[in-house]
């Protein structure tokens, strides 16, 4: 079982390099790891597990956050319409995105960042992601709003990008002109 001690923190080199593609079909070892990543996210949303294992709550995890340079992400969350997104994905990539941008009004956080980083993180309002599931199935996901933000945050990890790299350092709290809050989408 993965716990917070397995998660590398900012400053670790794996968070700043482009992760390697996973050769498909994935190995049994890679599938086990991705399954553990997804279970960690589910555990991090369970009050009993949080207390018992001192977990921080999260909605997504990327393999580079475990010090593993592989294109693997796990997400588990419900959006504002109560739609559940629960995926373990290999080689996710954004194949198209909107011009319109969105952001989380309260900013973003990260399991690899132990400090509060205030600021608006501009993201694409709508994206289409292609990936391969844990079961080896190719999927194409059309995402908008909160779901699009979560996936972009995790895919950024695969490219060595941290959420705060997107914050305007000169004016961190002002949303970009063409952006609307995820609450408005």
N, C-alpha and C. Protein backbone atom coordinates (compact mmCIF):
# COMPACT_ATOMS: atom_id res chain seq x y z
N UNK A 1 0.83 -1.19 0.00
CA UNK A 1 0.00 0.00 0.00
C UNK A 1 0.87 1.26 0.00
N UNK A 2 0.52 2.21 -0.85
CA UNK A 2 1.25 3.47 -0.91
C UNK A 2 0.80 4.40 0.21
N UNK A 3 1.73 5.14 0.79
CA UNK A 3 1.40 6.15 1.79
C UNK A 3 2.14 7.44 1.43
N UNK A 4 1.98 8.48 2.24
CA UNK A 4 2.62 9.76 1.96
C UNK A 4 4.14 9.64 1.90
N UNK A 5 4.70 8.67 2.62
CA UNK A 5 6.17 8.53 2.60
C UNK A 5 6.68 8.07 1.23
N UNK A 6 5.80 7.54 0.39
CA UNK A 6 6.18 7.11 -0.96
C UNK A 6 6.20 8.27 -1.95
N UNK A 7 5.58 9.38 -1.57
CA UNK A 7 5.46 10.51 -2.48
C UNK A 7 6.66 11.45 -2.34
N UNK A 8 7.32 11.72 -3.48
CA UNK A 8 8.46 12.63 -3.47
C UNK A 8 7.94 14.06 -3.42
N UNK A 9 8.74 14.92 -2.82
CA UNK A 9 8.33 16.33 -2.66
C UNK A 9 9.08 17.22 -3.64
N UNK A 10 8.56 18.46 -3.77
CA UNK A 10 9.17 19.39 -4.72
C UNK A 10 10.67 19.49 -4.45
N UNK A 11 11.42 19.60 -5.54
CA UNK A 11 12.86 19.58 -5.45
C UNK A 11 13.42 18.26 -5.94
N UNK A 12 12.58 17.20 -5.90
CA UNK A 12 13.02 15.89 -6.40
C UNK A 12 13.11 15.94 -7.93
N UNK A 13 14.20 15.41 -8.47
CA UNK A 13 14.44 15.51 -9.92
C UNK A 13 13.35 14.89 -10.78
N UNK A 14 12.67 13.83 -10.31
CA UNK A 14 11.65 13.18 -11.16
C UNK A 14 10.47 14.10 -11.44
N UNK A 15 10.29 15.14 -10.62
CA UNK A 15 9.17 16.08 -10.83
C UNK A 15 9.48 17.10 -11.92
N UNK A 16 10.72 17.14 -12.39
CA UNK A 16 11.12 18.15 -13.37
C UNK A 16 11.61 17.59 -14.69
N UNK A 17 11.43 16.29 -14.89
CA UNK A 17 11.85 15.71 -16.17
C UNK A 17 10.65 15.10 -16.88
N UNK A 18 10.75 15.01 -18.21
CA UNK A 18 9.67 14.40 -19.01
C UNK A 18 9.71 12.89 -18.77
N UNK A 19 8.58 12.35 -18.37
CA UNK A 19 8.48 10.91 -18.08
C UNK A 19 8.50 10.10 -19.37
N UNK A 20 9.00 8.88 -19.25
CA UNK A 20 9.07 7.97 -20.40
C UNK A 20 7.72 7.35 -20.68
N UNK A 21 7.45 7.14 -21.98
CA UNK A 21 6.21 6.43 -22.35
C UNK A 21 6.29 5.00 -21.84
N UNK A 22 5.14 4.45 -21.51
CA UNK A 22 5.06 3.05 -21.10
C UNK A 22 4.87 2.22 -22.36
N UNK A 23 5.72 1.23 -22.53
CA UNK A 23 5.57 0.34 -23.68
C UNK A 23 4.36 -0.54 -23.44
N UNK A 24 3.47 -0.56 -24.42
CA UNK A 24 2.24 -1.34 -24.27
C UNK A 24 2.33 -2.63 -25.05
N UNK A 25 1.72 -3.72 -24.60
CA UNK A 25 0.96 -3.78 -23.35
C UNK A 25 1.86 -3.60 -22.13
N UNK A 26 1.28 -2.99 -21.11
CA UNK A 26 2.02 -2.73 -19.87
C UNK A 26 2.41 -4.05 -19.20
N UNK A 27 3.51 -4.01 -18.47
CA UNK A 27 3.95 -5.20 -17.74
C UNK A 27 3.05 -5.41 -16.52
N UNK A 28 3.11 -6.59 -15.95
CA UNK A 28 2.33 -6.88 -14.74
C UNK A 28 2.75 -5.91 -13.63
N UNK A 29 4.05 -5.65 -13.53
CA UNK A 29 4.59 -4.74 -12.51
C UNK A 29 4.01 -3.33 -12.67
N UNK A 30 3.92 -2.87 -13.92
CA UNK A 30 3.35 -1.53 -14.17
C UNK A 30 1.87 -1.49 -13.83
N UNK A 31 1.15 -2.54 -14.15
CA UNK A 31 -0.29 -2.60 -13.82
C UNK A 31 -0.50 -2.60 -12.31
N UNK A 32 0.35 -3.35 -11.59
CA UNK A 32 0.25 -3.40 -10.12
C UNK A 32 0.51 -2.01 -9.55
N UNK A 33 1.54 -1.33 -10.06
CA UNK A 33 1.86 0.01 -9.58
C UNK A 33 0.69 0.98 -9.83
N UNK A 34 0.14 0.94 -11.03
CA UNK A 34 -0.97 1.85 -11.37
C UNK A 34 -2.19 1.55 -10.50
N UNK A 35 -2.43 0.28 -10.23
CA UNK A 35 -3.54 -0.12 -9.35
C UNK A 35 -3.30 0.45 -7.94
N UNK A 36 -2.07 0.36 -7.46
CA UNK A 36 -1.73 0.91 -6.14
C UNK A 36 -1.89 2.43 -6.11
N UNK A 37 -1.54 3.08 -7.22
CA UNK A 37 -1.70 4.55 -7.31
C UNK A 37 -3.18 4.93 -7.19
N UNK A 38 -4.03 4.20 -7.91
CA UNK A 38 -5.47 4.48 -7.87
C UNK A 38 -6.02 4.20 -6.47
N UNK A 39 -5.56 3.12 -5.85
CA UNK A 39 -6.01 2.80 -4.49
C UNK A 39 -5.57 3.88 -3.50
N UNK A 40 -4.36 4.41 -3.69
CA UNK A 40 -3.88 5.48 -2.82
C UNK A 40 -4.83 6.68 -2.88
N UNK A 41 -5.23 7.06 -4.09
CA UNK A 41 -6.13 8.22 -4.25
C UNK A 41 -7.47 7.93 -3.56
N UNK A 42 -7.99 6.74 -3.75
CA UNK A 42 -9.26 6.38 -3.08
C UNK A 42 -9.08 6.41 -1.56
N UNK A 43 -7.98 5.85 -1.07
CA UNK A 43 -7.70 5.86 0.38
C UNK A 43 -7.59 7.28 0.92
N UNK A 44 -7.01 8.17 0.10
CA UNK A 44 -6.78 9.54 0.55
C UNK A 44 -8.08 10.34 0.68
N UNK A 45 -9.18 9.74 0.24
CA UNK A 45 -10.48 10.39 0.36
C UNK A 45 -11.36 9.71 1.42
N UNK A 46 -10.79 8.75 2.11
CA UNK A 46 -11.51 7.99 3.12
C UNK A 46 -11.04 8.45 4.51
N UNK A 47 -11.96 9.02 5.28
CA UNK A 47 -11.60 9.61 6.58
C UNK A 47 -10.83 8.65 7.49
N UNK A 48 -11.29 7.39 7.55
CA UNK A 48 -10.61 6.41 8.40
C UNK A 48 -9.18 6.16 7.95
N UNK A 49 -9.00 6.00 6.63
CA UNK A 49 -7.67 5.74 6.07
C UNK A 49 -6.75 6.96 6.26
N UNK A 50 -7.32 8.14 6.10
CA UNK A 50 -6.55 9.39 6.27
C UNK A 50 -5.96 9.42 7.67
N UNK A 51 -6.82 9.14 8.64
CA UNK A 51 -6.39 9.19 10.04
C UNK A 51 -5.40 8.07 10.37
N UNK A 52 -5.72 6.87 9.94
CA UNK A 52 -4.90 5.71 10.26
C UNK A 52 -3.50 5.80 9.66
N UNK A 53 -3.41 6.28 8.41
CA UNK A 53 -2.12 6.28 7.71
C UNK A 53 -1.54 7.68 7.49
N UNK A 54 -2.18 8.69 8.11
CA UNK A 54 -1.73 10.08 7.97
C UNK A 54 -1.60 10.49 6.51
N UNK A 55 -2.67 10.27 5.76
CA UNK A 55 -2.69 10.62 4.34
C UNK A 55 -3.18 12.04 4.14
N UNK A 56 -2.74 12.65 3.05
CA UNK A 56 -3.32 13.92 2.62
C UNK A 56 -4.30 13.62 1.50
N UNK A 57 -5.41 14.30 1.53
CA UNK A 57 -6.44 14.06 0.53
C UNK A 57 -5.98 14.53 -0.85
N UNK A 58 -6.29 13.71 -1.86
CA UNK A 58 -5.94 14.06 -3.23
C UNK A 58 -6.95 13.51 -4.21
N UNK A 59 -6.90 14.01 -5.44
CA UNK A 59 -7.80 13.53 -6.49
C UNK A 59 -7.03 12.88 -7.63
N UNK A 60 -5.70 13.06 -7.63
CA UNK A 60 -4.90 12.48 -8.70
C UNK A 60 -3.47 12.26 -8.26
N UNK A 61 -2.79 11.36 -8.97
CA UNK A 61 -1.40 11.04 -8.68
C UNK A 61 -0.74 10.61 -9.97
N UNK A 62 0.48 11.10 -10.19
CA UNK A 62 1.26 10.73 -11.37
C UNK A 62 2.50 9.97 -10.91
N UNK A 63 2.94 9.00 -11.72
CA UNK A 63 4.10 8.18 -11.36
C UNK A 63 5.34 9.01 -11.00
N UNK A 64 5.63 10.14 -11.67
CA UNK A 64 6.80 10.93 -11.26
C UNK A 64 6.72 11.40 -9.80
N UNK A 65 5.52 11.47 -9.24
CA UNK A 65 5.38 11.86 -7.83
C UNK A 65 5.82 10.73 -6.90
N UNK A 66 6.07 9.56 -7.47
CA UNK A 66 6.61 8.44 -6.69
C UNK A 66 8.09 8.24 -7.03
N UNK A 67 8.64 9.19 -7.80
CA UNK A 67 10.04 9.08 -8.22
C UNK A 67 10.21 8.12 -9.39
N UNK A 68 9.11 7.82 -10.08
CA UNK A 68 9.13 6.87 -11.20
C UNK A 68 8.84 7.61 -12.50
N UNK A 69 9.80 7.62 -13.39
CA UNK A 69 9.67 8.38 -14.63
C UNK A 69 8.93 7.59 -15.71
N UNK A 70 7.64 7.39 -15.48
CA UNK A 70 6.79 6.69 -16.44
C UNK A 70 5.49 7.45 -16.61
N UNK A 71 4.96 7.42 -17.82
CA UNK A 71 3.71 8.13 -18.11
C UNK A 71 2.51 7.33 -17.62
N UNK A 72 2.23 7.50 -16.33
CA UNK A 72 1.11 6.82 -15.68
C UNK A 72 0.44 7.80 -14.72
N UNK A 73 -0.88 7.88 -14.79
CA UNK A 73 -1.62 8.71 -13.83
C UNK A 73 -2.81 7.93 -13.29
N UNK A 74 -3.22 8.29 -12.09
CA UNK A 74 -4.43 7.74 -11.49
C UNK A 74 -5.27 8.92 -11.01
N UNK A 75 -6.57 8.90 -11.31
CA UNK A 75 -7.48 9.94 -10.83
C UNK A 75 -8.72 9.28 -10.27
N UNK A 76 -9.27 9.91 -9.23
CA UNK A 76 -10.52 9.42 -8.63
C UNK A 76 -11.20 10.63 -8.00
N UNK A 77 -12.30 11.07 -8.62
CA UNK A 77 -13.04 12.24 -8.11
C UNK A 77 -14.40 12.30 -8.78
N UNK A 78 -15.29 13.10 -8.19
CA UNK A 78 -16.56 13.41 -8.85
C UNK A 78 -16.54 14.88 -9.22
N UNK A 79 -17.12 15.18 -10.38
CA UNK A 79 -17.15 16.58 -10.80
C UNK A 79 -18.38 17.29 -10.20
N UNK A 80 -18.61 18.50 -10.62
CA UNK A 80 -19.71 19.29 -10.06
C UNK A 80 -21.09 18.75 -10.44
N UNK A 81 -21.13 17.83 -11.41
CA UNK A 81 -22.39 17.20 -11.80
C UNK A 81 -22.52 15.80 -11.20
N UNK A 82 -21.69 15.50 -10.20
CA UNK A 82 -21.67 14.18 -9.54
C UNK A 82 -21.30 13.03 -10.45
N UNK A 83 -20.55 13.33 -11.52
CA UNK A 83 -20.06 12.27 -12.40
C UNK A 83 -18.72 11.78 -11.85
N UNK A 84 -18.60 10.47 -11.68
CA UNK A 84 -17.38 9.88 -11.14
C UNK A 84 -16.36 9.65 -12.25
N UNK A 85 -15.14 10.08 -11.99
CA UNK A 85 -14.00 9.81 -12.86
C UNK A 85 -13.04 8.98 -12.04
N UNK A 86 -12.85 7.73 -12.41
CA UNK A 86 -11.96 6.85 -11.67
C UNK A 86 -11.16 6.04 -12.69
N UNK A 87 -9.92 6.46 -12.91
CA UNK A 87 -9.11 5.86 -13.97
C UNK A 87 -7.67 5.66 -13.53
N UNK A 88 -7.09 4.58 -14.00
CA UNK A 88 -5.65 4.39 -14.00
C UNK A 88 -5.28 4.41 -15.46
N UNK A 89 -4.42 5.35 -15.88
CA UNK A 89 -4.14 5.52 -17.31
C UNK A 89 -2.65 5.46 -17.63
N UNK A 90 -2.36 4.81 -18.76
CA UNK A 90 -1.01 4.78 -19.30
C UNK A 90 -0.93 5.76 -20.47
N UNK A 91 0.17 6.49 -20.56
CA UNK A 91 0.47 7.38 -21.68
C UNK A 91 -0.67 8.37 -22.03
N UNK A 92 -1.25 9.03 -21.02
CA UNK A 92 -2.32 9.99 -21.35
C UNK A 92 -1.72 11.21 -22.05
N UNK A 93 -2.42 11.68 -23.06
CA UNK A 93 -1.97 12.90 -23.72
C UNK A 93 -3.16 13.73 -24.18
N UNK A 94 -2.98 15.02 -24.14
CA UNK A 94 -4.04 15.94 -24.58
C UNK A 94 -3.91 16.05 -26.10
N UNK A 95 -4.98 15.69 -26.82
CA UNK A 95 -4.91 15.75 -28.28
C UNK A 95 -5.62 16.98 -28.84
N UNK A 96 -6.47 17.61 -28.03
CA UNK A 96 -7.07 18.88 -28.44
C UNK A 96 -7.54 19.63 -27.19
N UNK A 97 -7.67 20.95 -27.34
CA UNK A 97 -8.12 21.77 -26.21
C UNK A 97 -8.82 23.03 -26.71
N UNK A 98 -9.60 23.61 -25.83
CA UNK A 98 -10.33 24.84 -26.16
C UNK A 98 -9.39 26.03 -26.09
N UNK A 99 -9.82 27.13 -26.68
CA UNK A 99 -9.11 28.40 -26.53
C UNK A 99 -9.47 28.97 -25.16
N UNK A 100 -10.75 28.82 -24.80
CA UNK A 100 -11.24 29.31 -23.51
C UNK A 100 -10.48 28.65 -22.36
N UNK A 101 -10.23 29.44 -21.34
CA UNK A 101 -9.53 28.92 -20.17
C UNK A 101 -10.44 28.90 -18.95
N UNK A 102 -10.03 28.14 -17.96
CA UNK A 102 -10.75 28.05 -16.70
C UNK A 102 -9.73 27.98 -15.57
N UNK A 103 -10.23 27.99 -14.34
CA UNK A 103 -9.34 27.91 -13.17
C UNK A 103 -10.17 27.55 -11.95
N UNK A 104 -9.49 27.02 -10.94
CA UNK A 104 -10.14 26.77 -9.65
C UNK A 104 -10.02 28.06 -8.84
N UNK A 105 -11.14 28.62 -8.39
CA UNK A 105 -11.08 29.90 -7.67
C UNK A 105 -10.15 29.88 -6.45
N UNK A 106 -10.05 28.73 -5.78
CA UNK A 106 -9.19 28.63 -4.60
C UNK A 106 -7.75 28.25 -4.92
N UNK A 107 -7.43 28.15 -6.21
CA UNK A 107 -6.09 27.72 -6.60
C UNK A 107 -5.97 26.21 -6.54
N UNK A 108 -4.79 25.69 -6.81
CA UNK A 108 -4.55 24.25 -6.81
C UNK A 108 -3.55 23.87 -5.73
N UNK A 109 -3.58 22.60 -5.37
CA UNK A 109 -2.61 22.05 -4.43
C UNK A 109 -2.03 20.79 -5.06
N UNK A 110 -1.07 20.19 -4.37
CA UNK A 110 -0.40 19.03 -4.93
C UNK A 110 0.16 18.19 -3.79
N UNK A 111 0.04 16.88 -3.91
CA UNK A 111 0.56 15.98 -2.87
C UNK A 111 2.08 16.08 -2.74
N UNK A 112 2.75 16.57 -3.78
CA UNK A 112 4.21 16.72 -3.73
C UNK A 112 4.64 18.09 -3.21
N UNK A 113 3.67 18.95 -2.91
CA UNK A 113 3.98 20.30 -2.44
C UNK A 113 3.40 20.47 -1.04
N UNK A 114 4.28 20.62 -0.06
CA UNK A 114 3.84 20.70 1.35
C UNK A 114 3.50 22.11 1.81
N UNK A 115 3.55 23.05 0.90
CA UNK A 115 3.26 24.44 1.29
C UNK A 115 2.06 24.95 0.49
N UNK A 116 1.43 25.98 1.02
CA UNK A 116 0.32 26.61 0.31
C UNK A 116 0.92 27.56 -0.72
N UNK A 117 0.50 27.42 -1.98
CA UNK A 117 0.98 28.31 -3.04
C UNK A 117 -0.24 29.05 -3.60
N UNK A 118 -0.50 30.27 -3.08
CA UNK A 118 -1.67 31.00 -3.56
C UNK A 118 -1.48 31.48 -4.99
N UNK A 119 -2.57 31.49 -5.73
CA UNK A 119 -2.52 31.99 -7.10
C UNK A 119 -3.47 31.24 -8.01
N UNK A 120 -3.87 31.94 -9.06
CA UNK A 120 -4.77 31.38 -10.07
C UNK A 120 -3.92 30.58 -11.06
N UNK A 121 -4.35 29.33 -11.31
CA UNK A 121 -3.64 28.46 -12.26
C UNK A 121 -4.52 28.34 -13.52
N UNK A 122 -4.18 29.07 -14.58
CA UNK A 122 -5.00 28.99 -15.79
C UNK A 122 -4.87 27.62 -16.47
N UNK A 123 -6.01 27.08 -16.86
CA UNK A 123 -6.07 25.78 -17.54
C UNK A 123 -7.03 25.89 -18.73
N UNK A 124 -6.93 24.95 -19.67
CA UNK A 124 -7.91 24.92 -20.76
C UNK A 124 -9.25 24.50 -20.17
N UNK A 125 -10.33 25.13 -20.64
CA UNK A 125 -11.67 24.83 -20.13
C UNK A 125 -12.15 23.45 -20.59
N UNK A 126 -11.74 23.06 -21.81
CA UNK A 126 -12.13 21.76 -22.37
C UNK A 126 -10.91 21.11 -23.00
N UNK A 127 -10.78 19.80 -22.77
CA UNK A 127 -9.69 19.06 -23.39
C UNK A 127 -10.19 17.69 -23.84
N UNK A 128 -9.48 17.10 -24.77
CA UNK A 128 -9.72 15.72 -25.15
C UNK A 128 -8.42 14.98 -24.88
N UNK A 129 -8.54 13.88 -24.14
CA UNK A 129 -7.37 13.09 -23.73
C UNK A 129 -7.47 11.70 -24.33
N UNK A 130 -6.36 11.24 -24.89
CA UNK A 130 -6.27 9.85 -25.35
C UNK A 130 -5.33 9.13 -24.40
N UNK A 131 -5.67 7.89 -24.05
CA UNK A 131 -4.85 7.12 -23.12
C UNK A 131 -5.22 5.64 -23.24
N UNK A 132 -4.49 4.82 -22.49
CA UNK A 132 -4.78 3.39 -22.40
C UNK A 132 -5.09 3.08 -20.94
N UNK A 133 -6.20 2.39 -20.70
CA UNK A 133 -6.63 2.08 -19.33
C UNK A 133 -5.81 0.93 -18.75
N UNK A 134 -6.00 0.72 -17.46
CA UNK A 134 -5.39 -0.41 -16.76
C UNK A 134 -5.71 -1.73 -17.44
N UNK A 135 -6.90 -1.80 -18.02
CA UNK A 135 -7.36 -3.03 -18.68
C UNK A 135 -6.83 -3.17 -20.10
N UNK A 136 -6.04 -2.18 -20.55
CA UNK A 136 -5.46 -2.24 -21.89
C UNK A 136 -6.35 -1.69 -22.98
N UNK A 137 -7.41 -1.00 -22.59
CA UNK A 137 -8.36 -0.44 -23.55
C UNK A 137 -7.96 0.99 -23.90
N UNK A 138 -7.97 1.33 -25.21
CA UNK A 138 -7.69 2.70 -25.63
C UNK A 138 -8.95 3.53 -25.41
N UNK A 139 -8.79 4.68 -24.78
CA UNK A 139 -9.94 5.55 -24.52
C UNK A 139 -9.65 6.96 -25.01
N UNK A 140 -10.75 7.66 -25.30
CA UNK A 140 -10.68 9.07 -25.68
C UNK A 140 -11.69 9.76 -24.77
N UNK A 141 -11.19 10.62 -23.88
CA UNK A 141 -12.05 11.28 -22.90
C UNK A 141 -12.21 12.76 -23.23
N UNK A 142 -13.47 13.19 -23.33
CA UNK A 142 -13.74 14.62 -23.53
C UNK A 142 -14.08 15.19 -22.16
N UNK A 143 -13.27 16.14 -21.71
CA UNK A 143 -13.39 16.65 -20.35
C UNK A 143 -13.58 18.15 -20.35
N UNK A 144 -14.35 18.64 -19.37
CA UNK A 144 -14.47 20.09 -19.24
C UNK A 144 -14.50 20.47 -17.77
N UNK A 145 -14.23 21.74 -17.50
CA UNK A 145 -14.30 22.25 -16.15
C UNK A 145 -13.35 21.57 -15.19
N UNK A 146 -13.88 21.16 -14.03
CA UNK A 146 -13.07 20.57 -12.98
C UNK A 146 -12.30 19.33 -13.47
N UNK A 147 -12.98 18.46 -14.22
CA UNK A 147 -12.34 17.25 -14.73
C UNK A 147 -11.15 17.61 -15.62
N UNK A 148 -11.32 18.61 -16.47
CA UNK A 148 -10.24 19.05 -17.37
C UNK A 148 -9.06 19.57 -16.55
N UNK A 149 -9.34 20.30 -15.48
CA UNK A 149 -8.28 20.85 -14.61
C UNK A 149 -7.48 19.71 -13.97
N UNK A 150 -8.18 18.73 -13.40
CA UNK A 150 -7.50 17.61 -12.72
C UNK A 150 -6.59 16.87 -13.70
N UNK A 151 -7.11 16.55 -14.87
CA UNK A 151 -6.31 15.80 -15.85
C UNK A 151 -5.10 16.62 -16.31
N UNK A 152 -5.28 17.93 -16.52
CA UNK A 152 -4.15 18.76 -16.95
C UNK A 152 -3.07 18.81 -15.87
N UNK A 153 -3.49 18.89 -14.61
CA UNK A 153 -2.54 18.91 -13.49
C UNK A 153 -1.69 17.64 -13.51
N UNK A 154 -2.34 16.48 -13.66
CA UNK A 154 -1.62 15.20 -13.63
C UNK A 154 -0.75 15.01 -14.88
N UNK A 155 -1.27 15.37 -16.04
CA UNK A 155 -0.50 15.24 -17.28
C UNK A 155 0.72 16.18 -17.24
N UNK A 156 0.56 17.36 -16.63
CA UNK A 156 1.71 18.26 -16.45
C UNK A 156 2.86 17.55 -15.73
N UNK A 157 2.51 16.75 -14.71
CA UNK A 157 3.55 16.01 -13.97
C UNK A 157 4.37 15.12 -14.89
N UNK A 158 3.75 14.60 -15.93
CA UNK A 158 4.44 13.72 -16.87
C UNK A 158 5.42 14.50 -17.76
N UNK A 159 5.25 15.81 -17.77
CA UNK A 159 6.10 16.68 -18.58
C UNK A 159 7.04 17.54 -17.73
N UNK A 160 7.14 17.22 -16.44
CA UNK A 160 8.05 17.96 -15.57
C UNK A 160 7.56 19.35 -15.20
N UNK A 161 6.25 19.56 -15.27
CA UNK A 161 5.66 20.87 -14.99
C UNK A 161 4.88 20.81 -13.68
N UNK A 162 5.11 21.80 -12.82
CA UNK A 162 4.38 21.90 -11.56
C UNK A 162 3.24 22.92 -11.73
N UNK A 163 2.18 22.79 -10.96
CA UNK A 163 1.02 23.69 -11.12
C UNK A 163 1.40 25.16 -10.97
N UNK A 164 2.34 25.44 -10.05
CA UNK A 164 2.67 26.85 -9.80
C UNK A 164 3.49 27.48 -10.93
N UNK A 165 3.97 26.66 -11.87
CA UNK A 165 4.67 27.21 -13.04
C UNK A 165 3.71 28.04 -13.89
N UNK A 166 2.40 27.77 -13.77
CA UNK A 166 1.38 28.47 -14.57
C UNK A 166 0.92 29.79 -13.93
N UNK A 167 1.25 30.00 -12.65
CA UNK A 167 0.77 31.19 -11.94
C UNK A 167 1.55 32.43 -12.40
N UNK A 168 0.83 33.50 -12.70
CA UNK A 168 1.46 34.76 -13.09
C UNK A 168 2.13 35.35 -11.85
N UNK A 169 3.43 35.36 -11.82
CA UNK A 169 4.18 35.81 -10.64
C UNK A 169 3.96 37.30 -10.34
N UNK A 170 3.65 38.10 -11.36
CA UNK A 170 3.43 39.54 -11.16
C UNK A 170 2.03 39.85 -10.66
N UNK A 171 1.09 38.97 -10.96
CA UNK A 171 -0.31 39.20 -10.57
C UNK A 171 -0.98 37.85 -10.31
N UNK A 172 -0.56 37.17 -9.22
CA UNK A 172 -1.00 35.78 -9.01
C UNK A 172 -2.49 35.57 -8.78
N UNK A 173 -3.21 36.57 -8.28
CA UNK A 173 -4.60 36.35 -7.92
C UNK A 173 -5.62 36.79 -8.98
N UNK A 174 -5.15 37.36 -10.09
CA UNK A 174 -6.07 37.82 -11.13
C UNK A 174 -6.17 36.78 -12.24
N UNK A 175 -7.41 36.31 -12.50
CA UNK A 175 -7.58 35.32 -13.58
C UNK A 175 -7.26 35.94 -14.95
N UNK A 176 -6.79 35.15 -15.90
CA UNK A 176 -6.56 35.66 -17.25
C UNK A 176 -7.87 36.18 -17.84
N UNK A 177 -7.76 37.10 -18.80
CA UNK A 177 -8.95 37.73 -19.38
C UNK A 177 -9.96 36.76 -19.96
N UNK A 178 -9.50 35.73 -20.67
CA UNK A 178 -10.44 34.82 -21.34
C UNK A 178 -10.80 33.61 -20.49
N UNK A 179 -10.62 33.72 -19.16
CA UNK A 179 -10.86 32.56 -18.30
C UNK A 179 -12.12 32.75 -17.45
N UNK A 180 -12.83 31.62 -17.25
CA UNK A 180 -13.98 31.61 -16.35
C UNK A 180 -13.73 30.56 -15.27
N UNK A 181 -14.27 30.81 -14.10
CA UNK A 181 -14.12 29.87 -13.00
C UNK A 181 -14.77 28.53 -13.36
N UNK A 182 -14.22 27.41 -12.86
CA UNK A 182 -14.83 26.09 -13.13
C UNK A 182 -16.27 26.07 -12.67
N UNK A 183 -16.61 26.88 -11.67
CA UNK A 183 -17.97 26.94 -11.15
C UNK A 183 -18.96 27.49 -12.18
N UNK A 184 -18.44 28.22 -13.18
CA UNK A 184 -19.30 28.84 -14.19
C UNK A 184 -19.45 27.98 -15.44
N UNK A 185 -18.70 26.90 -15.53
CA UNK A 185 -18.78 26.06 -16.74
C UNK A 185 -19.92 25.07 -16.67
